[in-house]
């Protein structure tokens, strides 16, 4: 079976609700139902079906009311179940986002620590170079004074 684990645990009622919602929410259903309604009304107006359901089409209204009375709650069941799935997915996404945010904060802290360490090392290097330059300058002055240069 290639069904996801969540779909494998659906009850029979949930599978029926999903199937009804899928069928009734499709263009093919709208087209078929519209075709049936047009044929029904035309057949009754033309008189092809004598006395079956004369104008105001009370039987047709009864059939459509019956369909709506059962379809609406079944579709709502499917939508509520999908809403629960979406809510669980949103909670999971939120937890993942919070964890990612914490990881990013830790990375920022590590980068800041590396910058501080680099700054200290650069400061030490500048101090050492300054000392060397001063020593070099003082040696140059001493050697110039020994040679007799002003």
Protein backbone atom coordinates (compact mmCIF):
# COMPACT_ATOMS: atom_id res chain seq x y z
CA UNK A 1 0.00 0.00 0.00
CA UNK A 2 1.33 3.43 -0.93
CA UNK A 3 -0.98 5.30 1.43
CA UNK A 4 0.57 7.62 3.98
CA UNK A 5 0.29 6.40 7.60
CA UNK A 6 -2.39 8.99 8.45
CA UNK A 7 -4.59 7.86 5.54
CA UNK A 8 -4.25 4.21 6.59
CA UNK A 9 -5.86 5.01 9.97
CA UNK A 10 -9.02 6.60 8.56
CA UNK A 11 -12.34 5.17 9.63
CA UNK A 12 -14.87 4.06 7.04
CA UNK A 13 -16.94 7.18 7.70
CA UNK A 14 -13.94 9.43 7.18
CA UNK A 15 -13.05 7.72 3.90
CA UNK A 16 -16.66 8.08 2.71
CA UNK A 17 -16.75 11.76 3.74
CA UNK A 18 -13.50 12.41 1.86
CA UNK A 19 -14.75 10.59 -1.23
CA UNK A 20 -18.06 12.49 -1.22
CA UNK A 21 -16.27 15.83 -0.74
CA UNK A 22 -13.84 14.99 -3.54
CA UNK A 23 -16.60 14.02 -5.98
CA UNK A 24 -19.00 16.84 -5.10
CA UNK A 25 -16.20 19.41 -5.24
CA UNK A 26 -15.26 18.58 -8.82
CA UNK A 27 -16.19 20.10 -12.16
CA UNK A 28 -17.29 16.72 -13.46
CA UNK A 29 -19.94 16.54 -10.72
CA UNK A 30 -21.18 20.04 -11.55
CA UNK A 31 -21.36 19.22 -15.26
CA UNK A 32 -23.13 15.86 -14.73
CA UNK A 33 -25.59 17.34 -12.24
CA UNK A 34 -26.33 20.31 -14.51
CA UNK A 35 -26.90 17.95 -17.44
CA UNK A 36 -29.31 15.81 -15.38
CA UNK A 37 -31.21 18.93 -14.24
CA UNK A 38 -31.51 20.24 -17.82
CA UNK A 39 -32.70 16.86 -19.10
CA UNK A 40 -35.17 16.50 -16.21
CA UNK A 41 -36.65 19.98 -16.68
CA UNK A 42 -36.74 19.69 -20.49
CA UNK A 43 -38.37 16.25 -20.40
CA UNK A 44 -41.03 17.48 -18.00
CA UNK A 45 -41.70 20.72 -19.88
CA UNK A 46 -41.90 19.06 -23.29
CA UNK A 47 -44.11 16.33 -21.92
CA UNK A 48 -41.85 13.39 -22.75
CA UNK A 49 -42.58 12.09 -19.29
CA UNK A 50 -46.28 12.71 -18.94
CA UNK A 51 -47.25 13.88 -15.48
CA UNK A 52 -44.03 12.72 -13.86
CA UNK A 53 -42.96 16.06 -12.32
CA UNK A 54 -44.90 18.99 -13.79
CA UNK A 55 -43.80 22.60 -13.40
CA UNK A 56 -42.82 23.81 -10.38
CA UNK A 57 -40.82 20.54 -10.29
CA UNK A 58 -41.65 19.59 -6.71
CA UNK A 59 -40.05 16.15 -7.06
CA UNK A 60 -36.86 17.72 -8.43
CA UNK A 61 -36.81 20.18 -5.50
CA UNK A 62 -37.30 17.27 -3.10
CA UNK A 63 -34.41 15.33 -4.69
CA UNK A 64 -32.09 18.35 -4.59
CA UNK A 65 -33.06 19.13 -0.98
CA UNK A 66 -32.40 15.52 -0.05
CA UNK A 67 -29.01 15.67 -1.75
CA UNK A 68 -28.11 18.94 0.00
CA UNK A 69 -29.32 17.67 3.39
CA UNK A 70 -26.91 14.75 3.26
CA UNK A 71 -24.07 16.30 1.30
CA UNK A 72 -23.55 19.36 3.52
CA UNK A 73 -22.85 17.50 6.79
CA UNK A 74 -20.68 14.90 5.05
CA UNK A 75 -18.62 17.64 3.36
CA UNK A 76 -18.35 19.46 6.70
CA UNK A 77 -17.02 16.27 8.33
CA UNK A 78 -14.34 16.04 5.67
CA UNK A 79 -13.46 19.72 6.03
CA UNK A 80 -13.27 19.46 9.83
CA UNK A 81 -10.93 16.47 9.57
CA UNK A 82 -8.76 18.32 7.05
CA UNK A 83 -8.76 21.34 9.35
CA UNK A 84 -7.49 19.14 12.20
CA UNK A 85 -4.73 17.81 9.93
CA UNK A 86 -3.80 21.36 8.92
CA UNK A 87 -3.78 22.50 12.56
CA UNK A 88 -1.43 19.65 13.54
CA UNK A 89 0.85 20.47 10.60
CA UNK A 90 0.87 24.15 11.61
CA UNK A 91 1.85 23.22 15.19
CA UNK A 92 4.64 21.02 13.88
CA UNK A 93 5.84 23.80 11.56
CA UNK A 94 5.79 26.23 14.49
CA UNK A 95 7.92 23.91 16.65
CA UNK A 96 10.38 23.46 13.79
CA UNK A 97 10.56 27.23 13.25
CA UNK A 98 11.19 27.87 16.95
CA UNK A 99 13.95 25.26 16.98
CA UNK A 100 15.50 26.78 13.84
CA UNK A 101 15.35 30.23 15.43
CA UNK A 102 17.18 28.95 18.51
CA UNK A 103 19.83 27.32 16.34
CA UNK A 104 20.30 30.58 14.42
CA UNK A 105 20.67 32.49 17.70
CA UNK A 106 23.38 30.02 18.80
CA UNK A 107 25.17 30.50 15.50
CA UNK A 108 25.02 34.28 15.95
CA UNK A 109 26.53 33.92 19.42
CA UNK A 110 29.33 31.73 18.08
CA UNK A 111 30.07 34.19 15.28
CA UNK A 112 30.13 37.06 17.81
CA UNK A 113 32.55 35.08 19.97
CA UNK A 114 34.77 34.42 16.94
CA UNK A 115 34.73 38.12 16.09
CA UNK A 116 35.73 39.03 19.66
CA UNK A 117 38.53 36.45 19.58
CA UNK A 118 39.76 37.76 16.20
CA UNK A 119 39.61 41.34 17.50
CA UNK A 120 41.71 40.39 20.53
CA UNK A 121 44.24 38.58 18.35
CA UNK A 122 44.43 41.55 15.95
CA UNK A 123 44.86 43.94 18.88
CA UNK A 124 47.68 41.77 20.23
CA UNK A 125 49.30 41.65 16.78
CA UNK A 126 49.09 45.43 16.46
CA UNK A 127 50.68 45.84 19.89
CA UNK A 128 53.50 43.43 18.99
CA UNK A 129 54.07 45.18 15.66
CA UNK A 130 54.04 48.58 17.38
CA UNK A 131 56.60 47.33 19.88
CA UNK A 132 58.77 45.93 17.09
CA UNK A 133 58.50 49.18 15.17
CA UNK A 134 59.46 51.17 18.23
CA UNK A 135 62.41 48.86 18.89
CA UNK A 136 63.44 49.09 15.25
CA UNK A 137 63.16 52.88 15.34
CA UNK A 138 65.19 53.10 18.55
CA UNK A 139 67.90 50.82 17.09
CA UNK A 140 67.96 52.95 13.95
CA UNK A 141 68.42 56.10 16.06
CA UNK A 142 71.22 54.47 18.07
CA UNK A 143 73.02 53.31 14.95
CA UNK A 144 72.61 56.75 13.35
CA UNK A 145 74.05 58.45 16.43
CA UNK A 146 77.03 56.05 16.48
CA UNK A 147 77.76 56.76 12.82
CA UNK A 148 77.56 60.45 13.47
CA UNK A 149 74.48 61.35 11.59
CA UNK A 150 72.35 64.07 13.09
